[in-house]
Structures are given as C-alpha cells and as structure tokens.
Amino acid sequence: VEHADGLRRSAVPSVTRKLVASRQDAELFLLDGADPEELREKATRLAEFCAQLSYAELGDLAATLQGELDDRPLRAAVLVASPEQATERLTELAGQLAAGVRSLLDTPGGVFLGSAGSAPRIGFLFPGQGAGKRGDGGALRRRFAAVDELYDRLSLPTDGDLVATDVAQPRIVAASVAGLRILDILGIEAVRATGHSLGELTALHWAGAMDEPTVLSTAGARGRIMATASDGDGTMAALATTPALAEALTVGEPVVIAGYNSPQQTVVSGPVAAVERVCARAAGQGVG
C-alpha cells in the first residue's frame, strides 16, 4: 500500500486489521412495493445493478435500500454474501413475483416475501443443546464490543470437544445471551419467547426470571451435572415419528420417552443396547 508521497507502509495499522477482521459475511437487502409489479421491477433492476458491485459496496447498498423503505404493503428480504449471489437471489425473487407468488419463506435460499397486515409481532426461540459448534463468538465478537466483553469475561473453551455436554451447554447459552445483547443494541424487542430444552433457561433470562450472571452460571452447572449423570451405559435417539408410535416401539425395553421435539420427532433414551433395538424396530417399520 503506497502513501501519496510514494513511501511504502511497513505494516498494516491495527485499526485496519480490526476492521477487515470484523467484515460481515452477509448483508440483508430489504425492499417494499405498492404492488407485485413494482416490487418485481425493483428486484430486476437491483439484480442487474449488483452484477457491477464489489463486495464492499454490498453494505452500502443494503443501507441505501433500508433508507428507501416507505411502509409499502408488499415486502421482501434477500440475504446475500456476494455480488453474484445478490444477482442470483434478486433474480429468483423477481421470478417468484412474476409467477404469482405472494408469500415465500425460503431460508436455505435466503429469499423472503410477504404482505404487511397487522402490526408485526416478534417472538424469540432459543436453541437447546446441539446448536452450533463454536465457542469463540465468531464475527459477532469481532464486530460488537458488548459481545467481546461477554466472551472475554467467560473464557469459554475454543478447542477440544466443544459438543461435550459440560462444554456445549454454557457455550450455547452464552451465544444466546450474546445474541440478546446485539438485539438490544439494534432496538429489536420481542413480545414472546420460548426455549427448546436448554433454551428454556435463556427464555427465563429474557423474561426477567434470571439475570445474566445467574443464567450463565446455571447453564454451566446444568452441563456439569448432566455430564456426570450420563456417565455409563446410556444413550438417546431421535425418532421421526409421533409420541404414540415411539412409545409402542419401546414396549418390552427399558427405554423411555425423553423429549418431544415436534409432533413428528420423539426422543427416546435408555441403555445403549436397548435403544439400538428400539431403533432397529423403528427402521423395520420405516421410521427414521
């Protein structure tokens, strides 16, 4: 990198390194329109425009689009990580609108479409054990000082077996607390919250039943207790079936229903050999 006087820098300044390290890996394009045709035309124009952009300009465009929102009834959001992906996904949005689609929730594809009706209500769903595998805070820690302070204080493991119960549970709750800190900074509030399994602790924290130090220490204690209690011959399995059928599959085995993940996914637990026999029965009946 050259100065105006032609002298070469001996090193990149620390501020520059920090800014580069904190670059977001994706941007959110928000669009609205008075009717489907207006929104389709906007998406089409943007798709063509994005083909000329650099990565750095995606953030500028996202900010510009957010400023142009005017509470129009038809709304769309497109998650993009590169100019090429922006062109591809905006083209997909335009195509869906042209095909008459008015509601779309394509999470893998990063394209969302809907109509404004009543005032929106936001709900938070906090994840349980099994969510994520990182313990260092990632890009959010590099971007937000509040998240960096949290992880610096907790000193969570960043290597080794990060999915072990005694490590995973405090790690996951810490990530949820970090997310809440960011949402608070952004002014995003929910009217309801719920948690899946371990996530119930974070939901209680959100509701005010536990302060931040308490929920973090409780998650750590819960993880240690469960890790100790699970020593020995025991395991779990998630069956893609109803609780009634799952219970029928366990007849005659020392296996119990351990969790109701959804109407079509039931968790069973018990001695390893017994759970394996139940899984074999399930497979014999076409249950995954």
Protein backbone atom coordinates (compact mmCIF):
# COMPACT_ATOMS: atom_id res chain seq x y z
CA VAL A 1 0.00 0.00 0.00
CA GLU A 2 1.50 3.32 -1.05
CA HIS A 3 1.28 6.73 0.62
CA ALA A 4 0.71 9.82 -1.50
CA ASP A 5 4.43 10.60 -1.27
CA GLY A 6 5.34 7.17 -2.58
CA LEU A 7 6.60 5.70 0.69
CA ARG A 8 5.64 2.10 1.38
CA ARG A 9 3.98 1.22 4.68
CA SER A 10 5.99 -1.11 6.84
CA ALA A 11 2.84 -2.70 8.33
CA VAL A 12 -0.93 -2.52 8.15
CA PRO A 13 -2.28 -0.45 11.09
CA SER A 14 -4.06 -2.37 13.85
CA VAL A 15 -7.27 -0.39 13.26
CA THR A 16 -7.31 -1.52 9.62
CA ARG A 17 -6.69 -5.13 10.60
CA LYS A 18 -9.55 -4.98 13.10
CA LEU A 19 -11.95 -3.51 10.54
CA VAL A 20 -11.06 -6.16 7.98
CA ALA A 21 -11.45 -8.95 10.54
CA SER A 22 -14.91 -7.70 11.51
CA ARG A 23 -16.29 -7.66 7.98
CA GLN A 24 -19.77 -9.14 7.89
CA ASP A 25 -20.13 -12.33 5.91
CA ALA A 26 -23.57 -11.34 4.59
CA GLU A 27 -25.85 -8.35 4.04
CA LEU A 28 -29.64 -8.09 4.19
CA PHE A 29 -31.42 -6.33 1.33
CA LEU A 30 -34.86 -5.02 2.32
CA LEU A 31 -37.37 -4.00 -0.34
CA ASP A 32 -41.02 -2.98 -0.42
CA GLY A 33 -43.53 -2.16 -3.12
CA ALA A 34 -47.05 -0.89 -3.57
CA ASP A 35 -47.90 -3.94 -5.69
CA PRO A 36 -46.22 -7.09 -7.07
CA GLU A 37 -45.22 -5.46 -10.36
CA GLU A 38 -43.48 -2.56 -8.66
CA LEU A 39 -41.57 -4.91 -6.38
CA ARG A 40 -40.68 -7.21 -9.29
CA GLU A 41 -39.30 -4.30 -11.32
CA LYS A 42 -37.25 -3.13 -8.35
CA ALA A 43 -35.80 -6.62 -7.81
CA THR A 44 -34.97 -6.91 -11.51
CA ARG A 45 -33.17 -3.56 -11.60
CA LEU A 46 -31.22 -4.40 -8.48
CA ALA A 47 -30.21 -7.80 -9.86
CA GLU A 48 -28.67 -6.10 -12.89
CA PHE A 49 -27.03 -3.41 -10.76
CA CYS A 50 -25.46 -5.88 -8.31
CA ALA A 51 -23.52 -7.54 -11.11
CA GLN A 52 -21.34 -4.41 -11.22
CA LEU A 53 -20.68 -4.14 -7.48
CA SER A 54 -17.71 -5.04 -5.33
CA TYR A 55 -18.07 -6.91 -2.05
CA ALA A 56 -17.56 -3.68 -0.08
CA GLU A 57 -20.40 -1.95 -1.92
CA LEU A 58 -22.95 -4.55 -0.80
CA GLY A 59 -23.04 -2.95 2.65
CA ASP A 60 -23.59 0.50 1.15
CA LEU A 61 -26.43 -0.82 -0.98
CA ALA A 62 -28.06 -2.58 1.99
CA ALA A 63 -28.02 0.69 3.95
CA THR A 64 -29.43 2.63 0.99
CA LEU A 65 -32.27 0.16 0.48
CA GLN A 66 -33.16 0.27 4.16
CA GLY A 67 -33.39 4.05 3.96
CA GLU A 68 -35.74 3.84 0.96
CA LEU A 69 -38.35 1.71 2.74
CA ASP A 70 -41.69 3.52 2.84
CA ASP A 71 -44.05 1.17 4.67
CA ARG A 72 -45.42 -0.23 1.40
CA PRO A 73 -47.65 -3.30 1.76
CA LEU A 74 -45.62 -5.89 -0.20
CA ARG A 75 -42.23 -6.61 1.36
CA ALA A 76 -39.20 -8.75 0.64
CA ALA A 77 -35.86 -9.55 2.22
CA VAL A 78 -32.87 -11.10 0.46
CA LEU A 79 -29.77 -12.36 2.26
CA VAL A 80 -26.62 -12.01 0.16
CA ALA A 81 -22.95 -12.86 0.67
CA SER A 82 -21.51 -11.77 -2.68
CA PRO A 83 -22.44 -9.64 -5.70
CA GLU A 84 -23.00 -12.83 -7.71
CA GLN A 85 -25.31 -14.24 -5.06
CA ALA A 86 -27.17 -10.93 -4.86
CA THR A 87 -27.86 -11.07 -8.60
CA GLU A 88 -28.94 -14.70 -8.38
CA ARG A 89 -31.28 -14.26 -5.43
CA LEU A 90 -32.83 -10.99 -6.59
CA THR A 91 -33.50 -12.65 -9.94
CA GLU A 92 -35.15 -15.52 -8.06
CA LEU A 93 -37.32 -13.04 -6.16
CA ALA A 94 -38.36 -11.33 -9.40
CA GLY A 95 -39.20 -14.70 -10.93
CA GLN A 96 -41.32 -15.74 -7.96
CA LEU A 97 -43.26 -12.47 -8.14
CA ALA A 98 -43.78 -12.89 -11.89
CA ALA A 99 -45.13 -16.40 -11.22
CA GLY A 100 -47.76 -15.01 -8.86
CA VAL A 101 -46.10 -15.98 -5.58
CA ARG A 102 -47.02 -13.58 -2.78
CA SER A 103 -45.65 -15.38 0.25
CA LEU A 104 -42.25 -17.08 0.41
CA LEU A 105 -40.08 -18.33 3.26
CA ASP A 106 -37.00 -19.81 1.60
CA THR A 107 -34.49 -19.99 4.43
CA PRO A 108 -31.84 -22.04 2.55
CA GLY A 109 -32.20 -19.79 -0.49
CA GLY A 110 -32.19 -16.57 1.53
CA VAL A 111 -35.30 -15.12 -0.14
CA PHE A 112 -38.34 -13.97 1.84
CA LEU A 113 -41.58 -12.39 0.66
CA GLY A 114 -44.77 -11.35 2.40
CA SER A 115 -47.52 -8.77 2.78
CA ALA A 116 -47.96 -6.35 5.64
CA GLY A 117 -51.21 -6.67 7.51
CA SER A 118 -51.48 -6.09 11.21
CA ALA A 119 -48.57 -4.71 13.20
CA PRO A 120 -45.80 -7.33 13.28
CA ARG A 121 -45.07 -9.24 16.46
CA ILE A 122 -41.65 -10.74 17.12
CA GLY A 123 -41.01 -13.91 19.09
CA PHE A 124 -37.66 -15.32 20.17
CA LEU A 125 -36.89 -19.05 20.07
CA PHE A 126 -33.77 -20.01 22.00
CA PRO A 127 -31.96 -23.20 20.91
CA GLY A 128 -31.06 -26.20 23.00
CA GLN A 129 -28.03 -28.45 23.08
CA GLY A 130 -26.74 -29.29 19.64
CA ALA A 131 -26.82 -25.71 18.33
CA GLY A 132 -23.55 -24.61 16.77
CA LYS A 133 -20.02 -25.78 17.43
CA ARG A 134 -18.08 -22.56 18.06
CA GLY A 135 -17.05 -21.16 21.40
CA ASP A 136 -15.18 -18.01 20.41
CA GLY A 137 -18.03 -15.67 19.49
CA GLY A 138 -17.04 -15.54 15.83
CA ALA A 139 -17.69 -12.45 13.74
CA LEU A 140 -20.20 -11.07 16.23
CA ARG A 141 -17.46 -10.83 18.84
CA ARG A 142 -15.21 -9.01 16.40
CA ARG A 143 -17.98 -6.60 15.43
CA PHE A 144 -19.70 -5.81 18.76
CA ALA A 145 -17.81 -4.68 21.86
CA ALA A 146 -20.64 -5.93 24.09
CA VAL A 147 -20.17 -9.46 22.77
CA ASP A 148 -16.39 -9.26 23.04
CA GLU A 149 -16.73 -8.23 26.69
CA LEU A 150 -19.01 -11.19 27.40
CA TYR A 151 -16.71 -13.81 25.87
CA ASP A 152 -13.63 -12.21 27.36
CA ARG A 153 -15.18 -12.49 30.82
CA LEU A 154 -16.41 -16.07 30.38
CA SER A 155 -13.21 -17.52 28.87
CA LEU A 156 -15.06 -20.44 27.27
CA PRO A 157 -13.10 -23.30 25.66
CA THR A 158 -12.45 -22.74 21.95
CA ASP A 159 -10.94 -26.12 21.10
CA GLY A 160 -11.26 -29.74 22.15
CA ASP A 161 -14.66 -31.44 22.37
CA LEU A 162 -16.99 -28.45 22.06
CA VAL A 163 -20.09 -30.68 21.83
CA ALA A 164 -19.45 -32.40 25.17
CA THR A 165 -22.40 -31.68 27.46
CA ASP A 166 -20.43 -29.80 30.12
CA VAL A 167 -18.86 -27.59 27.44
CA ALA A 168 -21.75 -27.24 25.00
CA GLN A 169 -24.42 -26.06 27.42
CA PRO A 170 -22.65 -22.95 28.78
CA ARG A 171 -21.34 -22.26 25.26
CA ILE A 172 -24.82 -22.31 23.72
CA VAL A 173 -26.42 -20.18 26.41
CA ALA A 174 -23.55 -17.70 26.15
CA ALA A 175 -24.18 -17.42 22.40
CA SER A 176 -27.88 -16.78 23.04
CA VAL A 177 -27.08 -14.12 25.63
CA ALA A 178 -24.68 -12.53 23.15
CA GLY A 179 -27.48 -12.51 20.58
CA LEU A 180 -29.80 -10.80 23.06
CA ARG A 181 -27.17 -8.14 23.70
CA ILE A 182 -26.94 -7.41 19.98
CA LEU A 183 -30.71 -7.35 19.50
CA ASP A 184 -30.95 -4.89 22.39
CA ILE A 185 -28.35 -2.65 20.74
CA LEU A 186 -30.33 -2.78 17.49
CA GLY A 187 -33.59 -1.99 19.29
CA ILE A 188 -35.26 -5.28 18.34
CA GLU A 189 -37.68 -6.45 21.01
CA ALA A 190 -39.93 -9.49 21.24
CA VAL A 191 -43.38 -9.88 22.73
CA ARG A 192 -42.97 -13.60 23.42
CA ALA A 193 -40.10 -16.03 23.89
CA THR A 194 -39.70 -19.74 24.30
CA GLY A 195 -36.80 -22.12 24.54
CA HIS A 196 -36.14 -25.66 23.41
CA SER A 197 -34.76 -27.79 26.26
CA LEU A 198 -31.61 -25.94 27.40
CA GLY A 199 -33.00 -22.85 25.69
CA GLU A 200 -35.68 -22.64 28.39
CA LEU A 201 -33.01 -21.13 30.64
CA THR A 202 -32.36 -18.33 28.16
CA ALA A 203 -36.10 -17.75 27.78
CA LEU A 204 -36.38 -17.37 31.56
CA HIS A 205 -33.50 -14.90 31.45
CA TRP A 206 -35.22 -12.93 28.69
CA ALA A 207 -38.40 -12.85 30.78
CA GLY A 208 -36.51 -11.41 33.76
CA ALA A 209 -36.59 -14.50 35.97
CA MET A 210 -32.78 -14.74 35.96
CA ASP A 211 -30.17 -12.06 35.43
CA GLU A 212 -27.27 -12.61 33.07
CA PRO A 213 -24.70 -13.94 35.60
CA THR A 214 -27.31 -16.33 37.01
CA VAL A 215 -28.36 -17.84 33.69
CA LEU A 216 -24.74 -18.29 32.62
CA SER A 217 -23.72 -19.96 35.88
CA THR A 218 -26.88 -22.11 35.84
CA ALA A 219 -26.08 -23.31 32.32
CA GLY A 220 -22.59 -24.27 33.45
CA ALA A 221 -23.90 -26.17 36.47
CA ARG A 222 -26.58 -27.90 34.39
CA GLY A 223 -23.99 -29.06 31.88
CA ARG A 224 -21.66 -30.42 34.56
CA ILE A 225 -24.46 -32.27 36.37
CA MET A 226 -25.83 -33.81 33.19
CA ALA A 227 -22.36 -34.85 32.04
CA THR A 228 -21.74 -36.61 35.35
CA ALA A 229 -25.19 -38.21 35.43
CA SER A 230 -24.78 -39.56 31.91
CA ASP A 231 -21.58 -41.46 32.65
CA GLY A 232 -22.03 -45.16 31.94
CA ASP A 233 -24.31 -47.19 29.70
CA GLY A 234 -26.86 -44.75 28.33
CA THR A 235 -27.78 -43.02 25.10
CA MET A 236 -30.57 -41.20 23.27
CA ALA A 237 -32.09 -41.38 19.81
CA ALA A 238 -34.46 -39.10 17.91
CA LEU A 239 -37.20 -41.00 16.08
CA ALA A 240 -39.05 -39.33 13.22
CA THR A 241 -42.47 -40.33 14.48
CA THR A 242 -45.29 -39.45 16.84
CA PRO A 243 -45.03 -39.96 20.61
CA ALA A 244 -47.68 -42.69 20.44
CA LEU A 245 -45.76 -44.77 17.90
CA ALA A 246 -42.46 -44.11 19.65
CA GLU A 247 -43.93 -45.41 22.90
CA ALA A 248 -45.22 -48.51 21.12
CA LEU A 249 -41.74 -49.16 19.75
CA THR A 250 -40.29 -49.17 23.28
CA VAL A 251 -42.62 -51.87 24.66
CA GLY A 252 -40.63 -54.53 26.49
CA GLU A 253 -37.47 -52.45 26.61
CA PRO A 254 -36.04 -50.29 29.45
CA VAL A 255 -36.40 -47.26 27.19
CA VAL A 256 -38.47 -44.15 27.93
CA ILE A 257 -39.69 -41.07 26.09
CA ALA A 258 -37.12 -38.39 26.90
CA GLY A 259 -38.31 -35.48 24.79
CA TYR A 260 -40.98 -34.23 22.41
CA ASN A 261 -39.08 -32.28 19.77
CA SER A 262 -42.07 -31.89 17.47
CA PRO A 263 -45.31 -33.71 16.58
CA GLN A 264 -43.24 -35.90 14.25
CA GLN A 265 -39.98 -36.26 16.21
CA THR A 266 -39.74 -38.01 19.56
CA VAL A 267 -36.59 -38.62 21.60
CA VAL A 268 -36.11 -41.88 23.49
CA SER A 269 -33.40 -42.79 25.99
CA GLY A 270 -32.12 -45.80 27.87
CA PRO A 271 -29.29 -48.35 27.89
CA VAL A 272 -27.30 -48.39 24.66
CA ALA A 273 -28.25 -51.92 23.60
CA ALA A 274 -31.94 -51.33 24.34
CA VAL A 275 -32.06 -48.06 22.41
CA GLU A 276 -30.34 -49.76 19.49
CA ARG A 277 -33.03 -52.47 19.49
CA VAL A 278 -35.76 -49.82 19.51
CA CYS A 279 -34.07 -48.06 16.59
CA ALA A 280 -33.93 -51.36 14.72
CA ARG A 281 -37.66 -51.85 15.31
CA ALA A 282 -38.30 -48.32 14.08
CA ALA A 283 -36.26 -48.90 10.94
CA GLY A 284 -38.22 -52.09 10.31
CA GLN A 285 -41.40 -50.01 10.27
CA GLY A 286 -39.92 -47.34 8.04
CA VAL A 287 -39.29 -44.86 10.83
CA GLY A 288 -36.06 -42.89 10.54
